[in-house]
């Protein structure tokens, strides 16, 4: 078999090892697509993961620039050849996909595809994805397909290992989500018990002080001192709980990877396109990383729930020894002064408090019909 510059057993081994290195689902999908395209020396590769509504929950491409991908538009639905791949669960090898009776065209910005090789990715009887390749980099005699039977068999091997890698990544993500949920439930229970006891004591002591203030001011003063001590203890309990509630993913994966994972989930869960780019950011002090994550979460919640945005872009860039977070949406926007006068803060007070508490700053730019940009800068260590 000849598969261009990356041929033979070493190339297969390299592709399989690359897939096994990642645990995040999105990273696994991107690695599968890139490995398939390189291994079979094709111009384009794509992998679609079906949802439960007749479309794709995820669709990852390789060989198409970011500008092209934006121009192409929304994710493809399950139609034509793509539907055959998912519903008939068989390999498709075509000399010219455009001449197939199931072909239904593509958007104007879409690259022109000719020869085509597609294979379902299966976990037992379930089709969990479909892997597509197009335009093999080799001479194509008139009327013949660039992809061979050997290519199809090689892609079949890759698809089997892709199923294992994808299943393992999904199990890992579910396991981590369950662990985080269980830990938060435990902490919430402990927090409720500890703080409730302190507040109950505070209430009783304050009531005793109120009864004594006229007839025994000296004892009332002692009770008020006890109120102050109990309040300080309650504040310490809350601070300790907040530290313990630091997202586990931050400690395990760091800020950039945690943000990327959460934004990928939001991108799948909402109709708006949510993107993330992290550039050159070094590790920050724990308090700053947590503050950046919380502000990003609050800003994303506002954009996705209230703004009606079609696109939300999140960037995290290095600035000096620190970092700057920027969350921009193309939604309805708002009058910041009017919102403040009406007492509807949209979480802005909380975000500013988090930023200042971490030694950073927060700015908000918005106007009706102009979208919103929230920028937070932290100084680093």
Protein backbone atom coordinates (compact mmCIF):
# COMPACT_ATOMS: atom_id res chain seq x y z
CA UNK A 1 0.00 0.00 0.00
CA UNK A 2 1.16 3.51 -0.73
CA UNK A 3 -0.32 6.45 1.10
CA UNK A 4 1.91 9.36 0.25
CA UNK A 5 4.71 10.51 2.49
CA UNK A 6 3.17 8.97 5.62
CA UNK A 7 2.91 5.32 4.60
CA UNK A 8 3.32 1.94 6.21
CA UNK A 9 3.15 0.56 9.73
CA UNK A 10 4.95 3.53 11.32
CA UNK A 11 2.30 5.93 10.04
CA UNK A 12 -0.53 3.73 11.33
CA UNK A 13 1.17 3.41 14.70
CA UNK A 14 1.69 7.18 14.89
CA UNK A 15 -1.99 7.84 14.14
CA UNK A 16 -3.21 5.36 16.77
CA UNK A 17 -0.84 6.70 19.43
CA UNK A 18 -1.99 10.26 18.72
CA UNK A 19 -5.62 9.26 19.34
CA UNK A 20 -4.76 7.57 22.63
CA UNK A 21 -3.05 10.66 24.09
CA UNK A 22 -6.21 12.71 24.57
CA UNK A 23 -9.08 12.39 27.02
CA UNK A 24 -11.26 15.35 26.03
CA UNK A 25 -13.87 14.39 23.41
CA UNK A 26 -13.24 17.43 21.20
CA UNK A 27 -9.49 16.81 21.20
CA UNK A 28 -10.04 13.16 20.30
CA UNK A 29 -12.30 14.11 17.38
CA UNK A 30 -9.76 16.60 16.02
CA UNK A 31 -6.94 14.07 16.33
CA UNK A 32 -8.93 11.36 14.52
CA UNK A 33 -9.70 13.70 11.62
CA UNK A 34 -6.15 15.00 11.30
CA UNK A 35 -4.71 11.49 11.54
CA UNK A 36 -7.07 10.14 8.87
CA UNK A 37 -6.31 12.96 6.45
CA UNK A 38 -2.55 12.62 6.88
CA UNK A 39 -2.55 8.84 6.79
CA UNK A 40 -4.54 8.58 3.55
CA UNK A 41 -3.03 11.74 2.04
CA UNK A 42 -6.34 13.52 1.38
CA UNK A 43 -7.06 17.22 0.97
CA UNK A 44 -10.09 17.20 3.27
CA UNK A 45 -11.36 15.15 6.21
CA UNK A 46 -14.38 15.48 8.50
CA UNK A 47 -15.98 13.60 11.36
CA UNK A 48 -19.63 13.99 12.32
CA UNK A 49 -21.17 12.87 15.60
CA UNK A 50 -24.97 12.53 15.37
CA UNK A 51 -27.42 14.10 17.78
CA UNK A 52 -30.93 12.89 18.61
CA UNK A 53 -32.70 15.39 16.36
CA UNK A 54 -31.66 14.52 12.84
CA UNK A 55 -28.46 16.56 12.75
CA UNK A 56 -24.92 16.58 14.04
CA UNK A 57 -24.08 17.33 17.65
CA UNK A 58 -20.46 17.89 16.55
CA UNK A 59 -18.79 18.20 13.17
CA UNK A 60 -15.00 18.52 13.03
CA UNK A 61 -13.07 19.27 9.84
CA UNK A 62 -9.43 19.26 8.78
CA UNK A 63 -8.10 20.90 5.64
CA UNK A 64 -10.57 23.81 5.76
CA UNK A 65 -9.41 27.18 7.10
CA UNK A 66 -11.24 28.98 9.89
CA UNK A 67 -12.32 31.67 7.41
CA UNK A 68 -13.73 29.06 5.01
CA UNK A 69 -15.52 27.28 7.82
CA UNK A 70 -17.20 30.50 8.98
CA UNK A 71 -18.25 31.29 5.41
CA UNK A 72 -19.76 27.82 4.93
CA UNK A 73 -22.26 28.47 7.70
CA UNK A 74 -24.20 26.20 10.11
CA UNK A 75 -23.39 22.56 10.74
CA UNK A 76 -24.61 20.21 8.01
CA UNK A 77 -27.76 18.19 8.62
CA UNK A 78 -27.98 14.46 8.07
CA UNK A 79 -28.88 14.38 4.39
CA UNK A 80 -27.60 12.85 1.19
CA UNK A 81 -24.34 10.94 1.53
CA UNK A 82 -24.01 11.96 5.19
CA UNK A 83 -27.37 10.37 5.98
CA UNK A 84 -26.33 7.16 4.21
CA UNK A 85 -23.20 7.00 6.32
CA UNK A 86 -25.10 7.24 9.59
CA UNK A 87 -28.29 5.32 8.81
CA UNK A 88 -27.06 2.58 6.47
CA UNK A 89 -23.82 2.11 8.43
CA UNK A 90 -21.70 1.02 5.49
CA UNK A 91 -18.60 2.27 3.74
CA UNK A 92 -19.00 4.62 0.76
CA UNK A 93 -16.24 4.96 -1.85
CA UNK A 94 -17.09 7.18 -4.80
CA UNK A 95 -15.13 8.38 -7.81
CA UNK A 96 -17.17 11.61 -7.92
CA UNK A 97 -19.50 12.40 -5.06
CA UNK A 98 -21.24 15.05 -7.19
CA UNK A 99 -22.57 12.38 -9.57
CA UNK A 100 -24.13 10.24 -6.87
CA UNK A 101 -27.98 10.40 -6.95
CA UNK A 102 -28.04 11.17 -3.23
CA UNK A 103 -25.88 14.27 -3.64
CA UNK A 104 -27.80 17.42 -2.68
CA UNK A 105 -25.18 20.12 -3.16
CA UNK A 106 -23.35 22.28 -0.66
CA UNK A 107 -23.02 25.97 0.26
CA UNK A 108 -21.21 28.28 -2.18
CA UNK A 109 -18.21 28.67 0.14
CA UNK A 110 -17.80 24.90 0.48
CA UNK A 111 -14.67 23.42 -1.17
CA UNK A 112 -15.27 21.39 -4.32
CA UNK A 113 -15.13 17.68 -3.44
CA UNK A 114 -14.69 14.93 -6.04
CA UNK A 115 -13.49 11.49 -4.94
CA UNK A 116 -14.94 10.48 -1.58
CA UNK A 117 -14.36 7.82 1.07
CA UNK A 118 -16.58 7.54 4.12
CA UNK A 119 -16.89 5.01 6.93
CA UNK A 120 -19.13 4.77 10.00
CA UNK A 121 -17.52 4.68 13.45
CA UNK A 122 -19.30 2.03 15.47
CA UNK A 123 -19.48 1.09 19.13
CA UNK A 124 -21.06 -2.34 18.91
CA UNK A 125 -24.31 -1.88 16.98
CA UNK A 126 -24.43 1.88 17.60
CA UNK A 127 -23.10 4.32 15.02
CA UNK A 128 -21.36 7.00 17.09
CA UNK A 129 -19.88 8.93 14.20
CA UNK A 130 -19.00 9.01 10.53
CA UNK A 131 -15.54 9.69 9.12
CA UNK A 132 -15.22 11.29 5.67
CA UNK A 133 -12.26 11.89 3.36
CA UNK A 134 -12.22 13.67 0.00
CA UNK A 135 -9.84 14.58 -2.82
CA UNK A 136 -6.93 12.16 -2.46
CA UNK A 137 -3.60 13.70 -3.41
CA UNK A 138 -2.68 11.42 -6.30
CA UNK A 139 -3.10 11.27 -10.09
CA UNK A 140 -6.68 10.30 -10.96
CA UNK A 141 -7.16 8.52 -14.29
CA UNK A 142 -10.35 9.61 -15.98
CA UNK A 143 -13.38 8.01 -14.35
CA UNK A 144 -11.56 6.29 -11.47
CA UNK A 145 -11.56 7.06 -7.76
CA UNK A 146 -8.46 8.31 -6.06
CA UNK A 147 -9.21 6.17 -2.99
CA UNK A 148 -8.48 2.44 -3.26
CA UNK A 149 -9.73 -0.71 -1.55
CA UNK A 150 -6.53 -0.65 0.49
CA UNK A 151 -7.39 2.88 1.61
CA UNK A 152 -10.83 1.71 2.70
CA UNK A 153 -9.35 -1.14 4.73
CA UNK A 154 -6.83 1.18 6.35
CA UNK A 155 -9.56 3.66 7.23
CA UNK A 156 -11.54 0.76 8.70
CA UNK A 157 -8.67 0.00 11.09
CA UNK A 158 -8.48 3.66 12.05
CA UNK A 159 -12.27 3.80 12.60
CA UNK A 160 -12.15 0.82 14.98
CA UNK A 161 -9.53 2.50 17.13
CA UNK A 162 -11.36 5.83 16.82
CA UNK A 163 -14.43 4.18 18.36
CA UNK A 164 -12.35 3.04 21.34
CA UNK A 165 -10.71 6.45 21.79
CA UNK A 166 -14.02 8.30 21.48
CA UNK A 167 -15.81 5.97 23.90
CA UNK A 168 -13.00 6.30 26.45
CA UNK A 169 -13.07 10.10 26.17
CA UNK A 170 -16.83 10.16 26.74
CA UNK A 171 -16.51 7.89 29.78
CA UNK A 172 -13.74 10.10 31.15
CA UNK A 173 -15.81 13.27 30.79
CA UNK A 174 -18.88 11.66 32.37
CA UNK A 175 -16.79 10.30 35.23
CA UNK A 176 -15.29 13.71 35.90
CA UNK A 177 -18.69 15.40 35.76
CA UNK A 178 -20.09 12.88 38.26
CA UNK A 179 -17.11 13.34 40.57
CA UNK A 180 -17.48 17.12 40.50
CA UNK A 181 -21.26 16.87 41.11
CA UNK A 182 -20.77 14.50 44.06
CA UNK A 183 -18.10 16.72 45.58
CA UNK A 184 -20.24 19.82 45.23
CA UNK A 185 -23.16 18.03 46.85
CA UNK A 186 -20.98 17.03 49.80
CA UNK A 187 -19.61 20.54 50.22
CA UNK A 188 -23.07 22.07 49.96
CA UNK A 189 -24.32 19.78 52.73
CA UNK A 190 -21.35 20.59 54.98
CA UNK A 191 -21.69 24.31 54.28
CA UNK A 192 -25.39 24.25 55.08
CA UNK A 193 -24.82 22.49 58.43
CA UNK A 194 -21.88 24.60 59.56
CA UNK A 195 -23.22 28.03 58.59
CA UNK A 196 -26.77 27.24 59.74
CA UNK A 197 -25.46 26.44 63.23
CA UNK A 198 -23.47 29.67 63.36
CA UNK A 199 -26.42 31.77 62.16
CA UNK A 200 -28.75 30.11 64.67
CA UNK A 201 -26.32 30.99 67.49
CA UNK A 202 -26.00 34.52 66.15
CA UNK A 203 -29.77 34.95 66.20
CA UNK A 204 -30.14 33.72 69.79
CA UNK A 205 -27.24 35.83 71.06
CA UNK A 206 -28.53 38.96 69.31
CA UNK A 207 -31.98 38.42 70.84
CA UNK A 208 -30.42 38.07 74.31
CA UNK A 209 -28.47 41.30 73.79
CA UNK A 210 -31.65 43.11 72.76
CA UNK A 211 -33.41 42.04 75.95
CA UNK A 212 -30.51 43.11 78.16
CA UNK A 213 -29.62 46.44 76.56
CA UNK A 214 -31.91 48.52 78.84
CA UNK A 215 -31.73 46.69 82.16
CA UNK A 216 -28.14 45.38 82.09
CA UNK A 217 -26.00 47.25 79.52
CA UNK A 218 -22.81 45.56 80.72
CA UNK A 219 -24.15 42.05 79.98
CA UNK A 220 -25.65 43.30 76.71
CA UNK A 221 -22.20 44.50 75.68
CA UNK A 222 -20.82 41.03 76.39
CA UNK A 223 -23.53 39.41 74.28
CA UNK A 224 -22.82 41.83 71.40
CA UNK A 225 -19.14 40.92 71.58
CA UNK A 226 -20.19 37.30 71.26
CA UNK A 227 -22.30 38.25 68.22
CA UNK A 228 -19.20 39.76 66.61
CA UNK A 229 -17.15 36.62 67.36
CA UNK A 230 -19.84 34.33 65.91
CA UNK A 231 -20.10 36.50 62.79
CA UNK A 232 -16.33 36.27 62.29
CA UNK A 233 -16.49 32.47 62.62
CA UNK A 234 -19.31 32.31 60.09
CA UNK A 235 -17.30 34.44 57.67
CA UNK A 236 -14.31 32.11 58.10
CA UNK A 237 -16.54 29.09 57.38
CA UNK A 238 -17.76 30.73 54.19
CA UNK A 239 -14.27 31.65 53.04
CA UNK A 240 -13.05 28.10 53.64
CA UNK A 241 -15.99 26.71 51.68
CA UNK A 242 -15.34 29.05 48.76
CA UNK A 243 -11.70 27.92 48.61
CA UNK A 244 -12.78 24.27 48.68
CA UNK A 245 -15.34 24.91 45.94
CA UNK A 246 -12.57 25.93 43.52
CA UNK A 247 -13.45 23.98 40.36
CA UNK A 248 -11.61 20.65 40.30
CA UNK A 249 -10.90 21.02 36.58
CA UNK A 250 -8.80 24.13 37.27
CA UNK A 251 -6.41 22.18 39.46
CA UNK A 252 -6.27 19.23 37.07
CA UNK A 253 -6.26 20.91 33.66
CA UNK A 254 -5.49 24.60 34.16
CA UNK A 255 -7.48 27.65 33.13
CA UNK A 256 -7.14 27.44 29.34
CA UNK A 257 -8.15 23.78 29.08
CA UNK A 258 -11.03 24.26 31.55
CA UNK A 259 -12.40 27.23 29.62
CA UNK A 260 -12.03 25.40 26.31
CA UNK A 261 -13.93 22.35 27.60
CA UNK A 262 -16.77 24.38 29.12
CA UNK A 263 -17.14 26.48 25.96
CA UNK A 264 -17.25 23.36 23.79
CA UNK A 265 -20.13 22.08 25.93
CA UNK A 266 -21.97 25.41 25.59
CA UNK A 267 -21.38 25.42 21.83
CA UNK A 268 -23.09 22.02 21.56
CA UNK A 269 -25.92 22.94 23.94
CA UNK A 270 -26.97 26.26 22.37
CA UNK A 271 -27.97 27.38 18.90
CA UNK A 272 -25.46 30.25 19.08
CA UNK A 273 -21.93 29.57 17.87
CA UNK A 274 -19.56 29.78 20.85
CA UNK A 275 -15.82 29.87 20.17
CA UNK A 276 -12.69 30.06 22.28
CA UNK A 277 -9.07 31.00 21.62
CA UNK A 278 -6.30 30.96 24.24
CA UNK A 279 -2.98 32.48 23.24
CA UNK A 280 0.26 32.37 25.21
CA UNK A 281 -1.31 32.45 28.67
CA UNK A 282 0.89 31.18 31.49
CA UNK A 283 -0.35 29.75 34.76
CA UNK A 284 -1.85 32.42 37.04
CA UNK A 285 -2.24 32.48 40.82
CA UNK A 286 -5.13 30.24 41.90
CA UNK A 287 -7.36 33.14 43.01
CA UNK A 288 -6.94 34.89 39.66
CA UNK A 289 -7.64 31.74 37.62
CA UNK A 290 -10.83 31.10 39.56
CA UNK A 291 -11.95 34.73 39.19
CA UNK A 292 -11.35 34.64 35.42
CA UNK A 293 -13.31 31.39 35.10
CA UNK A 294 -16.25 32.70 37.15
CA UNK A 295 -16.42 35.97 35.20
CA UNK A 296 -16.30 34.04 31.92
CA UNK A 297 -19.15 31.80 33.12
CA UNK A 298 -21.28 34.77 34.16
CA UNK A 299 -20.64 36.65 30.92
CA UNK A 300 -21.44 33.55 28.84
CA UNK A 301 -24.65 32.99 30.80
CA UNK A 302 -25.79 36.54 30.05
CA UNK A 303 -24.88 36.30 26.38
CA UNK A 304 -26.55 32.93 25.79
CA UNK A 305 -29.64 33.42 27.95
CA UNK A 306 -30.50 37.07 27.51
CA UNK A 307 -28.84 38.66 24.47
CA UNK A 308 -30.20 36.59 21.58
CA UNK A 309 -26.68 36.41 20.15
CA UNK A 310 -25.80 34.28 17.12
CA UNK A 311 -22.08 34.31 17.93
CA UNK A 312 -20.20 34.53 21.22
CA UNK A 313 -16.42 34.73 21.05
CA UNK A 314 -14.22 34.17 24.11
CA UNK A 315 -10.50 34.94 24.06
CA UNK A 316 -7.86 34.65 26.75
CA UNK A 317 -4.59 36.38 25.86
CA UNK A 318 -1.34 36.97 27.68
CA UNK A 319 -0.73 40.59 28.70
CA UNK A 320 2.58 41.22 30.43
CA UNK A 321 2.81 38.76 33.29
CA UNK A 322 -0.95 38.41 33.50
CA UNK A 323 -3.88 37.80 31.18
CA UNK A 324 -6.90 39.48 29.66
CA UNK A 325 -10.24 37.74 29.16
CA UNK A 326 -12.63 39.06 26.53
CA UNK A 327 -16.21 37.82 25.98
CA UNK A 328 -17.88 39.39 22.94
CA UNK A 329 -21.36 38.71 21.56
CA UNK A 330 -23.37 40.05 18.64
CA UNK A 331 -26.62 40.13 20.62
CA UNK A 332 -29.11 42.85 21.43
CA UNK A 333 -26.81 44.76 23.77
CA UNK A 334 -28.08 47.13 26.45
CA UNK A 335 -27.78 50.63 27.84
CA UNK A 336 -25.37 50.21 30.76
CA UNK A 337 -26.56 53.40 32.48
CA UNK A 338 -30.23 52.44 32.19
CA UNK A 339 -29.54 48.98 33.56
CA UNK A 340 -27.73 50.47 36.54
CA UNK A 341 -30.53 52.98 37.24
CA UNK A 342 -33.17 50.23 37.05
CA UNK A 343 -31.27 48.10 39.54
CA UNK A 344 -30.85 45.23 37.04
CA UNK A 345 -27.16 44.50 37.11
CA UNK A 346 -27.05 41.35 34.92
CA UNK A 347 -24.32 40.02 37.21
CA UNK A 348 -22.10 43.04 36.51
CA UNK A 349 -21.62 43.86 40.20
CA UNK A 350 -20.62 40.27 40.93
CA UNK A 351 -18.17 40.25 38.01
CA UNK A 352 -16.60 43.56 39.09
CA UNK A 353 -16.28 42.27 42.66
CA UNK A 354 -14.56 39.11 41.44
CA UNK A 355 -12.20 41.10 39.24
CA UNK A 356 -11.23 43.57 41.97
CA UNK A 357 -10.92 40.78 44.54
CA UNK A 358 -8.30 39.15 42.32
CA UNK A 359 -6.43 42.44 41.87
CA UNK A 360 -7.81 42.95 38.37
CA UNK A 361 -10.13 45.24 36.47
CA UNK A 362 -13.34 44.76 34.52
CA UNK A 363 -14.79 46.90 31.73
CA UNK A 364 -18.13 46.56 29.95
CA UNK A 365 -18.93 47.97 26.52
CA UNK A 366 -22.47 47.68 25.22
CA UNK A 367 -25.24 49.61 23.51
CA UNK A 368 -28.71 48.65 22.26
CA UNK A 369 -28.36 46.67 19.03
CA UNK A 370 -24.55 46.73 19.21
CA UNK A 371 -23.75 43.59 21.17
CA UNK A 372 -21.65 43.43 24.33
CA UNK A 373 -17.97 43.06 25.16
CA UNK A 374 -16.84 42.24 28.68
CA UNK A 375 -13.10 42.49 29.33
CA UNK A 376 -11.31 41.43 32.49
CA UNK A 377 -7.58 41.88 33.09
CA UNK A 378 -5.59 40.26 35.91
CA UNK A 379 -1.96 41.04 36.76
CA UNK A 380 -0.57 37.53 37.19
CA UNK A 381 1.85 36.46 39.89
